[in-house]
Structure formats: C-alpha cells, structure tokens
Amino acid sequence: MVLTDMILGTKGRIEIDEFSRAQKGVLYINGEEKDTSESSSGRAGVRSSVPEGGEIIPLDYPHEINGFEFEIQAIRKAIFAGEKECDLITLQDSINIHRIIEEARNQWN
C-alpha cells in the first residue's frame, strides 16, 4: 500500500506518492472544492477543503542517483565558483526554513 501525501494550497494541491522517495506527483490547479473529512488515506484527523479537478499537471522528476543530485550539483557549482553559499538557497533562506519548521513543530505539540 502506497500512502499519498498532499500539499494543500488555496488554489490547488499537489499529491505525491512515497514522499521521501518521490519521483512523480500530480498538481491540481483551480478546481472545485471537495471535503476530505472522510479521507480515503486512512489518516486520522484529516479535515480540509481541497480544490479538485481544474487543470491537472503530471509531475515527473526521475532521480539520476538518489534524489539529492540537484542539491549536489548546485553546491558543487558554488564551491568551484569560490562562493561561500549557494545563490539558489542562501544561508538566510535555510535559517528561515528552519524557523518555519520549528514553529510548525511547536504548534503540532
């Protein structure tokens, strides 16, 4: 059984199978509202209104190696260019992401 993870937004959703090893997903944009209070995922506490239908865009990003190759290539490029951080995700970006994760974790508890 493969669990589908869902990222919800106000204008759509992304569904991803096997999130930690994801290579494929589906982006749903600007659809009709669907109540997921009785989710088929079997997860407790799932209650939300999910845009369904509208434009459907398949996402397909196969791994060349292990899924981290994009990060590895960006870091390699920065190092060989003599940079101290990657311009795609700066040190400040990383700190901001960490703060968001910590706030989410605190709210979860």
PDB file of N, CA and C in Angstrom:
ATOM      1  N   MET A   1       0.842  -1.178   0.000  1.00  0.00           N
ATOM      2  CA  MET A   1       0.000   0.000   0.000  1.00  0.00           C
ATOM      3  C   MET A   1       0.889   1.244   0.000  1.00  0.00           C
ATOM      4  N   VAL A   2       0.646   2.131  -0.918  1.00  0.00           N
ATOM      5  CA  VAL A   2       1.407   3.374  -1.026  1.00  0.00           C
ATOM      6  C   VAL A   2       0.552   4.517  -0.494  1.00  0.00           C
ATOM      7  N   LEU A   3       1.088   5.243   0.482  1.00  0.00           N
ATOM      8  CA  LEU A   3       0.387   6.408   1.013  1.00  0.00           C
ATOM      9  C   LEU A   3       0.675   7.613   0.135  1.00  0.00           C
ATOM     10  N   THR A   4      -0.353   8.385  -0.116  1.00  0.00           N
ATOM     11  CA  THR A   4      -0.193   9.607  -0.888  1.00  0.00           C
ATOM     12  C   THR A   4      -0.167  10.785   0.067  1.00  0.00           C
ATOM     13  N   ASP A   5       0.893  11.570  -0.021  1.00  0.00           N
ATOM     14  CA  ASP A   5       0.982  12.798   0.757  1.00  0.00           C
ATOM     15  C   ASP A   5       0.403  13.919  -0.080  1.00  0.00           C
ATOM     16  N   MET A   6      -0.146  14.923   0.606  1.00  0.00           N
ATOM     17  CA  MET A   6      -0.802  16.012  -0.080  1.00  0.00           C
ATOM     18  C   MET A   6      -0.315  17.344   0.472  1.00  0.00           C
ATOM     19  N   ILE A   7       0.023  18.248  -0.424  1.00  0.00           N
ATOM     20  CA  ILE A   7       0.352  19.618  -0.061  1.00  0.00           C
ATOM     21  C   ILE A   7      -0.824  20.456  -0.532  1.00  0.00           C
ATOM     22  N   LEU A   8      -1.489  21.118   0.407  1.00  0.00           N
ATOM     23  CA  LEU A   8      -2.701  21.873   0.093  1.00  0.00           C
ATOM     24  C   LEU A   8      -2.418  23.353  -0.001  1.00  0.00           C
ATOM     25  N   GLY A   9      -3.064  24.000  -0.941  1.00  0.00           N
ATOM     26  CA  GLY A   9      -2.971  25.449  -1.076  1.00  0.00           C
ATOM     27  C   GLY A   9      -4.335  26.025  -1.369  1.00  0.00           C
ATOM     28  N   THR A  10      -4.425  27.320  -1.424  1.00  0.00           N
ATOM     29  CA  THR A  10      -5.716  27.962  -1.662  1.00  0.00           C
ATOM     30  C   THR A  10      -6.166  27.824  -3.109  1.00  0.00           C
ATOM     31  N   LYS A  11      -5.249  27.520  -4.019  1.00  0.00           N
ATOM     32  CA  LYS A  11      -5.603  27.420  -5.435  1.00  0.00           C
ATOM     33  C   LYS A  11      -5.347  26.043  -6.017  1.00  0.00           C
ATOM     34  N   GLY A  12      -5.064  25.084  -5.161  1.00  0.00           N
ATOM     35  CA  GLY A  12      -4.832  23.744  -5.679  1.00  0.00           C
ATOM     36  C   GLY A  12      -4.153  22.856  -4.667  1.00  0.00           C
ATOM     37  N   ARG A  13      -3.661  21.733  -5.176  1.00  0.00           N
ATOM     38  CA  ARG A  13      -2.972  20.787  -4.310  1.00  0.00           C
ATOM     39  C   ARG A  13      -1.950  20.010  -5.129  1.00  0.00           C
ATOM     40  N   ILE A  14      -0.983  19.428  -4.433  1.00  0.00           N
ATOM     41  CA  ILE A  14      -0.019  18.529  -5.043  1.00  0.00           C
ATOM     42  C   ILE A  14      -0.138  17.210  -4.302  1.00  0.00           C
ATOM     43  N   GLU A  15      -0.295  16.118  -5.042  1.00  0.00           N
ATOM     44  CA  GLU A  15      -0.321  14.786  -4.446  1.00  0.00           C
ATOM     45  C   GLU A  15       0.955  14.066  -4.843  1.00  0.00           C
ATOM     46  N   ILE A  16       1.629  13.493  -3.830  1.00  0.00           N
ATOM     47  CA  ILE A  16       2.915  12.840  -4.048  1.00  0.00           C
ATOM     48  C   ILE A  16       2.880  11.475  -3.371  1.00  0.00           C
ATOM     49  N   ASP A  17       3.195  10.427  -4.132  1.00  0.00           N
ATOM     50  CA  ASP A  17       3.311   9.088  -3.560  1.00  0.00           C
ATOM     51  C   ASP A  17       4.710   8.901  -3.003  1.00  0.00           C
ATOM     52  N   GLU A  18       4.813   8.223  -1.878  1.00  0.00           N
ATOM     53  CA  GLU A  18       6.103   7.925  -1.256  1.00  0.00           C
ATOM     54  C   GLU A  18       6.970   9.179  -1.164  1.00  0.00           C
ATOM     55  N   PHE A  19       6.509  10.140  -0.374  1.00  0.00           N
ATOM     56  CA  PHE A  19       7.110  11.476  -0.316  1.00  0.00           C
ATOM     57  C   PHE A  19       8.627  11.454  -0.146  1.00  0.00           C
ATOM     58  N   SER A  20       9.140  10.604   0.732  1.00  0.00           N
ATOM     59  CA  SER A  20      10.583  10.612   0.997  1.00  0.00           C
ATOM     60  C   SER A  20      11.406  10.121  -0.186  1.00  0.00           C
ATOM     61  N   ARG A  21      10.763   9.416  -1.126  1.00  0.00           N
ATOM     62  CA  ARG A  21      11.465   8.929  -2.310  1.00  0.00           C
ATOM     63  C   ARG A  21      10.763   9.368  -3.595  1.00  0.00           C
ATOM     64  N   ALA A  22      10.012  10.437  -3.511  1.00  0.00           N
ATOM     65  CA  ALA A  22       9.133  10.855  -4.611  1.00  0.00           C
ATOM     66  C   ALA A  22       9.890  11.135  -5.899  1.00  0.00           C
ATOM     67  N   GLN A  23       9.324  10.632  -6.974  1.00  0.00           N
ATOM     68  CA  GLN A  23       9.806  10.953  -8.310  1.00  0.00           C
ATOM     69  C   GLN A  23       8.657  11.446  -9.184  1.00  0.00           C
ATOM     70  N   LYS A  24       7.434  11.162  -8.740  1.00  0.00           N
ATOM     71  CA  LYS A  24       6.251  11.555  -9.503  1.00  0.00           C
ATOM     72  C   LYS A  24       5.199  12.139  -8.577  1.00  0.00           C
ATOM     73  N   GLY A  25       4.352  12.951  -9.141  1.00  0.00           N
ATOM     74  CA  GLY A  25       3.243  13.531  -8.402  1.00  0.00           C
ATOM     75  C   GLY A  25       2.255  14.121  -9.386  1.00  0.00           C
ATOM     76  N   VAL A  26       1.222  14.746  -8.850  1.00  0.00           N
ATOM     77  CA  VAL A  26       0.214  15.392  -9.684  1.00  0.00           C
ATOM     78  C   VAL A  26      -0.129  16.735  -9.056  1.00  0.00           C
ATOM     79  N   LEU A  27      -0.140  17.785  -9.884  1.00  0.00           N
ATOM     80  CA  LEU A  27      -0.523  19.122  -9.461  1.00  0.00           C
ATOM     81  C   LEU A  27      -1.933  19.392  -9.974  1.00  0.00           C
ATOM     82  N   TYR A  28      -2.846  19.724  -9.051  1.00  0.00           N
ATOM     83  CA  TYR A  28      -4.228  20.065  -9.397  1.00  0.00           C
ATOM     84  C   TYR A  28      -4.409  21.558  -9.149  1.00  0.00           C
ATOM     85  N   ILE A  29      -4.844  22.306 -10.168  1.00  0.00           N
ATOM     86  CA  ILE A  29      -4.974  23.755 -10.051  1.00  0.00           C
ATOM     87  C   ILE A  29      -6.410  24.185 -10.288  1.00  0.00           C
ATOM     88  N   ASN A  30      -6.899  25.109  -9.415  1.00  0.00           N
ATOM     89  CA  ASN A  30      -8.184  25.787  -9.593  1.00  0.00           C
ATOM     90  C   ASN A  30      -9.343  24.848  -9.909  1.00  0.00           C
ATOM     91  N   GLY A  31      -9.600  23.946  -9.021  1.00  0.00           N
ATOM     92  CA  GLY A  31     -10.711  23.029  -9.218  1.00  0.00           C
ATOM     93  C   GLY A  31     -11.859  23.339  -8.286  1.00  0.00           C
ATOM     94  N   GLU A  32     -12.795  22.399  -8.189  1.00  0.00           N
ATOM     95  CA  GLU A  32     -13.937  22.539  -7.301  1.00  0.00           C
ATOM     96  C   GLU A  32     -13.553  22.056  -5.910  1.00  0.00           C
ATOM     97  N   GLU A  33     -14.264  22.572  -4.913  1.00  0.00           N
ATOM     98  CA  GLU A  33     -13.964  22.202  -3.534  1.00  0.00           C
ATOM     99  C   GLU A  33     -14.465  20.791  -3.234  1.00  0.00           C
ATOM    100  N   LYS A  34     -13.674  20.043  -2.494  1.00  0.00           N
ATOM    101  CA  LYS A  34     -14.034  18.695  -2.085  1.00  0.00           C
ATOM    102  C   LYS A  34     -13.734  18.574  -0.595  1.00  0.00           C
ATOM    103  N   ASP A  35     -14.704  18.127   0.196  1.00  0.00           N
ATOM    104  CA  ASP A  35     -14.498  17.936   1.629  1.00  0.00           C
ATOM    105  C   ASP A  35     -13.785  16.613   1.835  1.00  0.00           C
ATOM    106  N   THR A  36     -12.645  16.647   2.512  1.00  0.00           N
ATOM    107  CA  THR A  36     -11.876  15.416   2.733  1.00  0.00           C
ATOM    108  C   THR A  36     -11.979  14.935   4.171  1.00  0.00           C
ATOM    109  N   SER A  37     -13.022  15.312   4.862  1.00  0.00           N
ATOM    110  CA  SER A  37     -13.124  14.908   6.263  1.00  0.00           C
ATOM    111  C   SER A  37     -13.212  13.394   6.402  1.00  0.00           C
ATOM    112  N   GLU A  38     -13.665  12.714   5.366  1.00  0.00           N
ATOM    113  CA  GLU A  38     -13.669  11.256   5.374  1.00  0.00           C
ATOM    114  C   GLU A  38     -12.652  10.797   4.353  1.00  0.00           C
ATOM    115  N   SER A  39     -11.407  11.018   4.675  1.00  0.00           N
ATOM    116  CA  SER A  39     -10.303  10.771   3.763  1.00  0.00           C
ATOM    117  C   SER A  39     -10.123   9.288   3.487  1.00  0.00           C
ATOM    118  N   SER A  40      -9.795   8.979   2.261  1.00  0.00           N
ATOM    119  CA  SER A  40      -9.509   7.593   1.897  1.00  0.00           C
ATOM    120  C   SER A  40      -8.089   7.199   2.285  1.00  0.00           C
ATOM    121  N   SER A  41      -7.299   8.170   2.759  1.00  0.00           N
ATOM    122  CA  SER A  41      -5.913   7.856   3.109  1.00  0.00           C
ATOM    123  C   SER A  41      -5.821   7.054   4.395  1.00  0.00           C
ATOM    124  N   GLY A  42      -6.901   7.037   5.181  1.00  0.00           N
ATOM    125  CA  GLY A  42      -6.879   6.307   6.436  1.00  0.00           C
ATOM    126  C   GLY A  42      -6.167   7.027   7.548  1.00  0.00           C
ATOM    127  N   ARG A  43      -5.779   8.263   7.333  1.00  0.00           N
ATOM    128  CA  ARG A  43      -5.077   9.025   8.359  1.00  0.00           C
ATOM    129  C   ARG A  43      -6.079   9.736   9.242  1.00  0.00           C
ATOM    130  N   ALA A  44      -5.845   9.678  10.525  1.00  0.00           N
ATOM    131  CA  ALA A  44      -6.742  10.332  11.475  1.00  0.00           C
ATOM    132  C   ALA A  44      -6.570  11.834  11.425  1.00  0.00           C
ATOM    133  N   GLY A  45      -7.650  12.549  11.628  1.00  0.00           N
ATOM    134  CA  GLY A  45      -7.588  13.995  11.770  1.00  0.00           C
ATOM    135  C   GLY A  45      -7.459  14.762  10.470  1.00  0.00           C
ATOM    136  N   VAL A  46      -7.696  14.127   9.338  1.00  0.00           N
ATOM    137  CA  VAL A  46      -7.603  14.831   8.057  1.00  0.00           C
ATOM    138  C   VAL A  46      -8.920  15.538   7.800  1.00  0.00           C
ATOM    139  N   ARG A  47      -8.927  16.858   7.893  1.00  0.00           N
ATOM    140  CA  ARG A  47     -10.114  17.660   7.616  1.00  0.00           C
ATOM    141  C   ARG A  47      -9.683  18.900   6.873  1.00  0.00           C
ATOM    142  N   SER A  48     -10.106  19.015   5.646  1.00  0.00           N
ATOM    143  CA  SER A  48      -9.760  20.194   4.872  1.00  0.00           C
ATOM    144  C   SER A  48     -10.654  20.273   3.653  1.00  0.00           C
ATOM    145  N   SER A  49     -10.595  21.395   3.002  1.00  0.00           N
ATOM    146  CA  SER A  49     -11.321  21.586   1.760  1.00  0.00           C
ATOM    147  C   SER A  49     -10.287  21.632   0.649  1.00  0.00           C
ATOM    148  N   VAL A  50     -10.374  20.711  -0.283  1.00  0.00           N
ATOM    149  CA  VAL A  50      -9.332  20.532  -1.276  1.00  0.00           C
ATOM    150  C   VAL A  50      -9.845  20.874  -2.666  1.00  0.00           C
ATOM    151  N   PRO A  51      -9.211  21.817  -3.362  1.00  0.00           N
ATOM    152  CA  PRO A  51      -9.603  22.047  -4.745  1.00  0.00           C
ATOM    153  C   PRO A  51      -9.342  20.795  -5.563  1.00  0.00           C
ATOM    154  N   GLU A  52     -10.354  20.330  -6.289  1.00  0.00           N
ATOM    155  CA  GLU A  52     -10.229  19.115  -7.097  1.00  0.00           C
ATOM    156  C   GLU A  52     -10.630  19.414  -8.531  1.00  0.00           C
ATOM    157  N   GLY A  53      -9.972  18.788  -9.463  1.00  0.00           N
ATOM    158  CA  GLY A  53     -10.301  18.995 -10.864  1.00  0.00           C
ATOM    159  C   GLY A  53      -9.510  20.156 -11.412  1.00  0.00           C
ATOM    160  N   GLY A  54     -10.126  20.965 -12.277  1.00  0.00           N
ATOM    161  CA  GLY A  54      -9.411  22.073 -12.891  1.00  0.00           C
ATOM    162  C   GLY A  54      -8.282  21.554 -13.755  1.00  0.00           C
ATOM    163  N   GLU A  55      -7.197  22.294 -13.815  1.00  0.00           N
ATOM    164  CA  GLU A  55      -6.040  21.870 -14.595  1.00  0.00           C
ATOM    165  C   GLU A  55      -5.262  20.811 -13.830  1.00  0.00           C
ATOM    166  N   ILE A  56      -4.895  19.757 -14.507  1.00  0.00           N
ATOM    167  CA  ILE A  56      -4.136  18.666 -13.900  1.00  0.00           C
ATOM    168  C   ILE A  56      -2.790  18.571 -14.611  1.00  0.00           C
ATOM    169  N   ILE A  57      -1.714  18.690 -13.833  1.00  0.00           N
ATOM    170  CA  ILE A  57      -0.367  18.662 -14.407  1.00  0.00           C
ATOM    171  C   ILE A  57       0.414  17.518 -13.769  1.00  0.00           C
ATOM    172  N   PRO A  58       0.771  16.501 -14.566  1.00  0.00           N
ATOM    173  CA  PRO A  58       1.597  15.432 -14.003  1.00  0.00           C
ATOM    174  C   PRO A  58       3.014  15.947 -13.747  1.00  0.00           C
ATOM    175  N   LEU A  59       3.606  15.529 -12.646  1.00  0.00           N
ATOM    176  CA  LEU A  59       4.971  15.906 -12.290  1.00  0.00           C
ATOM    177  C   LEU A  59       5.829  14.652 -12.365  1.00  0.00           C
ATOM    178  N   ASP A  60       6.915  14.704 -13.100  1.00  0.00           N
ATOM    179  CA  ASP A  60       7.767  13.539 -13.274  1.00  0.00           C
ATOM    180  C   ASP A  60       9.223  13.984 -13.239  1.00  0.00           C
ATOM    181  N   TYR A  61       9.888  13.719 -12.129  1.00  0.00           N
ATOM    182  CA  TYR A  61      11.284  14.105 -11.940  1.00  0.00           C
ATOM    183  C   TYR A  61      12.074  12.878 -11.481  1.00  0.00           C
ATOM    184  N   PRO A  62      12.432  12.002 -12.418  1.00  0.00           N
ATOM    185  CA  PRO A  62      13.154  10.796 -12.014  1.00  0.00           C
ATOM    186  C   PRO A  62      14.520  11.129 -11.428  1.00  0.00           C
ATOM    187  N   HIS A  63      14.930  10.347 -10.457  1.00  0.00           N
ATOM    188  CA  HIS A  63      16.239  10.532  -9.828  1.00  0.00           C
ATOM    189  C   HIS A  63      17.322  10.017 -10.750  1.00  0.00           C
ATOM    190  N   GLU A  64      18.382  10.786 -10.867  1.00  0.00           N
ATOM    191  CA  GLU A  64      19.552  10.294 -11.578  1.00  0.00           C
ATOM    192  C   GLU A  64      20.351   9.365 -10.659  1.00  0.00           C
ATOM    193  N   ILE A  65      20.413   9.747  -9.384  1.00  0.00           N
ATOM    194  CA  ILE A  65      21.211   8.987  -8.423  1.00  0.00           C
ATOM    195  C   ILE A  65      20.354   8.647  -7.203  1.00  0.00           C
ATOM    196  N   ASN A  66      20.068   9.657  -6.384  1.00  0.00           N
ATOM    197  CA  ASN A  66      19.371   9.406  -5.124  1.00  0.00           C
ATOM    198  C   ASN A  66      18.351  10.490  -4.764  1.00  0.00           C
ATOM    199  N   GLY A  67      18.093  11.424  -5.645  1.00  0.00           N
ATOM    200  CA  GLY A  67      17.147  12.493  -5.355  1.00  0.00           C
ATOM    201  C   GLY A  67      17.799  13.753  -4.833  1.00  0.00           C
ATOM    202  N   PHE A  68      19.056  13.675  -4.453  1.00  0.00           N
ATOM    203  CA  PHE A  68      19.770  14.849  -3.959  1.00  0.00           C
ATOM    204  C   PHE A  68      20.717  15.428  -5.010  1.00  0.00           C
ATOM    205  N   GLU A  69      20.654  14.906  -6.235  1.00  0.00           N
ATOM    206  CA  GLU A  69      21.613  15.355  -7.243  1.00  0.00           C
ATOM    207  C   GLU A  69      21.494  16.831  -7.569  1.00  0.00           C
ATOM    208  N   PHE A  70      20.278  17.399  -7.486  1.00  0.00           N
ATOM    209  CA  PHE A  70      20.119  18.824  -7.778  1.00  0.00           C
ATOM    210  C   PHE A  70      20.848  19.675  -6.735  1.00  0.00           C
ATOM    211  N   GLU A  71      20.724  19.284  -5.466  1.00  0.00           N
ATOM    212  CA  GLU A  71      21.424  19.996  -4.403  1.00  0.00           C
ATOM    213  C   GLU A  71      22.931  19.834  -4.548  1.00  0.00           C
ATOM    214  N   ILE A  72      23.359  18.617  -4.861  1.00  0.00           N
ATOM    215  CA  ILE A  72      24.787  18.333  -5.018  1.00  0.00           C
ATOM    216  C   ILE A  72      25.363  19.158  -6.162  1.00  0.00           C
ATOM    217  N   GLN A  73      24.650  19.215  -7.287  1.00  0.00           N
ATOM    218  CA  GLN A  73      25.131  19.988  -8.434  1.00  0.00           C
ATOM    219  C   GLN A  73      25.211  21.481  -8.105  1.00  0.00           C
ATOM    220  N   ALA A  74      24.214  22.005  -7.376  1.00  0.00           N
ATOM    221  CA  ALA A  74      24.218  23.432  -7.026  1.00  0.00           C
ATOM    222  C   ALA A  74      25.368  23.761  -6.083  1.00  0.00           C
ATOM    223  N   ILE A  75      25.599  22.905  -5.100  1.00  0.00           N
ATOM    224  CA  ILE A  75      26.701  23.122  -4.153  1.00  0.00           C
ATOM    225  C   ILE A  75      28.044  23.033  -4.879  1.00  0.00           C
ATOM    226  N   ARG A  76      28.181  22.021  -5.725  1.00  0.00           N
ATOM    227  CA  ARG A  76      29.421  21.849  -6.491  1.00  0.00           C
ATOM    228  C   ARG A  76      29.711  23.107  -7.316  1.00  0.00           C
ATOM    229  N   LYS A  77      28.695  23.618  -7.985  1.00  0.00           N
ATOM    230  CA  LYS A  77      28.860  24.815  -8.816  1.00  0.00           C
ATOM    231  C   LYS A  77      29.316  26.003  -7.959  1.00  0.00           C
ATOM    232  N   ALA A  78      28.693  26.175  -6.786  1.00  0.00           N
ATOM    233  CA  ALA A  78      29.059  27.284  -5.900  1.00  0.00           C
ATOM    234  C   ALA A  78      30.498  27.144  -5.399  1.00  0.00           C
ATOM    235  N   ILE A  79      30.864  25.933  -5.009  1.00  0.00           N
ATOM    236  CA  ILE A  79      32.221  25.705  -4.499  1.00  0.00           C
ATOM    237  C   ILE A  79      33.266  26.022  -5.568  1.00  0.00           C
ATOM    238  N   PHE A  80      33.051  25.508  -6.777  1.00  0.00           N
ATOM    239  CA  PHE A  80      34.021  25.746  -7.849  1.00  0.00           C
ATOM    240  C   PHE A  80      34.043  27.197  -8.302  1.00  0.00           C
ATOM    241  N   ALA A  81      32.966  27.942  -8.019  1.00  0.00           N
ATOM    242  CA  ALA A  81      32.931  29.372  -8.342  1.00  0.00           C
ATOM    243  C   ALA A  81      33.508  30.206  -7.206  1.00  0.00           C
ATOM    244  N   GLY A  82      33.948  29.541  -6.122  1.00  0.00           N
ATOM    245  CA  GLY A  82      34.533  30.255  -4.997  1.00  0.00           C
ATOM    246  C   GLY A  82      33.519  30.932  -4.096  1.00  0.00           C
ATOM    247  N   GLU A  83      32.258  30.562  -4.233  1.00  0.00           N
ATOM    248  CA  GLU A  83      31.199  31.157  -3.408  1.00  0.00           C
ATOM    249  C   GLU A  83      31.162  30.500  -2.033  1.00  0.00           C
ATOM    250  N   LYS A  84      30.680  31.250  -1.041  1.00  0.00           N
ATOM    251  CA  LYS A  84      30.556  30.715   0.312  1.00  0.00           C
ATOM    252  C   LYS A  84      29.160  30.163   0.585  1.00  0.00           C
ATOM    253  N   GLU A  85      28.214  30.467  -0.303  1.00  0.00           N
ATOM    254  CA  GLU A  85      26.874  29.894  -0.192  1.00  0.00           C
ATOM    255  C   GLU A  85      26.260  29.822  -1.581  1.00  0.00           C
ATOM    256  N   CYS A  86      25.237  29.005  -1.697  1.00  0.00           N
ATOM    257  CA  CYS A  86      24.554  28.811  -2.969  1.00  0.00           C
ATOM    258  C   CYS A  86      23.535  29.927  -3.169  1.00  0.00           C
ATOM    259  N   ASP A  87      23.473  30.498  -4.369  1.00  0.00           N
ATOM    260  CA  ASP A  87      22.527  31.591  -4.593  1.00  0.00           C
ATOM    261  C   ASP A  87      21.087  31.111  -4.722  1.00  0.00           C
ATOM    262  N   LEU A  88      20.872  29.815  -4.927  1.00  0.00           N
ATOM    263  CA  LEU A  88      19.510  29.290  -5.014  1.00  0.00           C
ATOM    264  C   LEU A  88      18.846  29.231  -3.636  1.00  0.00           C
ATOM    265  N   ILE A  89      19.583  28.772  -2.648  1.00  0.00           N
ATOM    266  CA  ILE A  89      19.120  28.736  -1.253  1.00  0.00           C
ATOM    267  C   ILE A  89      20.256  29.286  -0.403  1.00  0.00           C
ATOM    268  N   THR A  90      20.091  30.497   0.060  1.00  0.00           N
ATOM    269  CA  THR A  90      21.144  31.143   0.848  1.00  0.00           C
ATOM    270  C   THR A  90      21.118  30.658   2.288  1.00  0.00           C
ATOM    271  N   LEU A  91      22.142  31.031   3.036  1.00  0.00           N
ATOM    272  CA  LEU A  91      22.170  30.704   4.460  1.00  0.00           C
ATOM    273  C   LEU A  91      20.943  31.290   5.158  1.00  0.00           C
ATOM    274  N   GLN A  92      20.570  32.512   4.812  1.00  0.00           N
ATOM    275  CA  GLN A  92      19.393  33.137   5.429  1.00  0.00           C
ATOM    276  C   GLN A  92      18.123  32.370   5.065  1.00  0.00           C
ATOM    277  N   ASP A  93      18.024  31.882   3.823  1.00  0.00           N
ATOM    278  CA  ASP A  93      16.880  31.048   3.428  1.00  0.00           C
ATOM    279  C   ASP A  93      16.798  29.803   4.312  1.00  0.00           C
ATOM    280  N   SER A  94      17.939  29.165   4.526  1.00  0.00           N
ATOM    281  CA  SER A  94      17.983  27.957   5.360  1.00  0.00           C
ATOM    282  C   SER A  94      17.542  28.257   6.785  1.00  0.00           C
ATOM    283  N   ILE A  95      18.000  29.375   7.325  1.00  0.00           N
ATOM    284  CA  ILE A  95      17.599  29.774   8.679  1.00  0.00           C
ATOM    285  C   ILE A  95      16.100  30.029   8.725  1.00  0.00           C
ATOM    286  N   ASN A  96      15.554  30.725   7.727  1.00  0.00           N
ATOM    287  CA  ASN A  96      14.111  30.999   7.686  1.00  0.00           C
ATOM    288  C   ASN A  96      13.298  29.710   7.588  1.00  0.00           C
ATOM    289  N   ILE A  97      13.741  28.765   6.763  1.00  0.00           N
ATOM    290  CA  ILE A  97      13.051  27.480   6.637  1.00  0.00           C
ATOM    291  C   ILE A  97      13.070  26.750   7.972  1.00  0.00           C
ATOM    292  N   HIS A  98      14.222  26.758   8.644  1.00  0.00           N
ATOM    293  CA  HIS A  98      14.341  26.105   9.947  1.00  0.00           C
ATOM    294  C   HIS A  98      13.360  26.720  10.954  1.00  0.00           C
ATOM    295  N   ARG A  99      13.235  28.038  10.948  1.00  0.00           N
ATOM    296  CA  ARG A  99      12.302  28.713  11.862  1.00  0.00           C
ATOM    297  C   ARG A  99      10.853  28.301  11.573  1.00  0.00           C
ATOM    298  N   ILE A 100      10.490  28.191  10.310  1.00  0.00           N
ATOM    299  CA  ILE A 100       9.143  27.764   9.939  1.00  0.00           C
ATOM    300  C   ILE A 100       8.881  26.336  10.416  1.00  0.00           C
ATOM    301  N   ILE A 101       9.860  25.448  10.212  1.00  0.00           N
ATOM    302  CA  ILE A 101       9.713  24.061  10.656  1.00  0.00           C
ATOM    303  C   ILE A 101       9.567  24.002  12.172  1.00  0.00           C
ATOM    304  N   GLU A 102      10.383  24.756  12.886  1.00  0.00           N
ATOM    305  CA  GLU A 102      10.295  24.774  14.347  1.00  0.00           C
ATOM    306  C   GLU A 102       8.941  25.305  14.819  1.00  0.00           C
ATOM    307  N   GLU A 103       8.439  26.349  14.182  1.00  0.00           N
ATOM    308  CA  GLU A 103       7.131  26.902  14.549  1.00  0.00           C
ATOM    309  C   GLU A 103       6.029  25.889  14.285  1.00  0.00           C
ATOM    310  N   ALA A 104       6.100  25.194  13.151  1.00  0.00           N
ATOM    311  CA  ALA A 104       5.108  24.151  12.844  1.00  0.00           C
ATOM    312  C   ALA A 104       5.180  23.040  13.878  1.00  0.00           C
ATOM    313  N   ARG A 105       6.400  22.638  14.245  1.00  0.00           N
ATOM    314  CA  ARG A 105       6.580  21.575  15.246  1.00  0.00           C
ATOM    315  C   ARG A 105       6.009  22.027  16.604  1.00  0.00           C
ATOM    316  N   ASN A 106       6.259  23.273  16.986  1.00  0.00           N
ATOM    317  CA  ASN A 106       5.731  23.789  18.247  1.00  0.00           C
ATOM    318  C   ASN A 106       4.208  23.827  18.243  1.00  0.00           C
ATOM    319  N   GLN A 107       3.611  24.218  17.115  1.00  0.00           N
ATOM    320  CA  GLN A 107       2.147  24.248  17.014  1.00  0.00           C
ATOM    321  C   GLN A 107       1.565  22.853  17.020  1.00  0.00           C
ATOM    322  N   TRP A 108       2.279  21.887  16.468  1.00  0.00           N
ATOM    323  CA  TRP A 108       1.819  20.497  16.425  1.00  0.00           C
ATOM    324  C   TRP A 108       1.717  19.938  17.833  1.00  0.00           C
ATOM    325  N   ASN A 109       2.700  20.283  18.675  1.00  0.00           N
ATOM    326  CA  ASN A 109       2.710  19.786  20.055  1.00  0.00           C
ATOM    327  C   ASN A 109       1.741  20.608  20.847  1.00  0.00           C
TER     328      ASN A 109
END
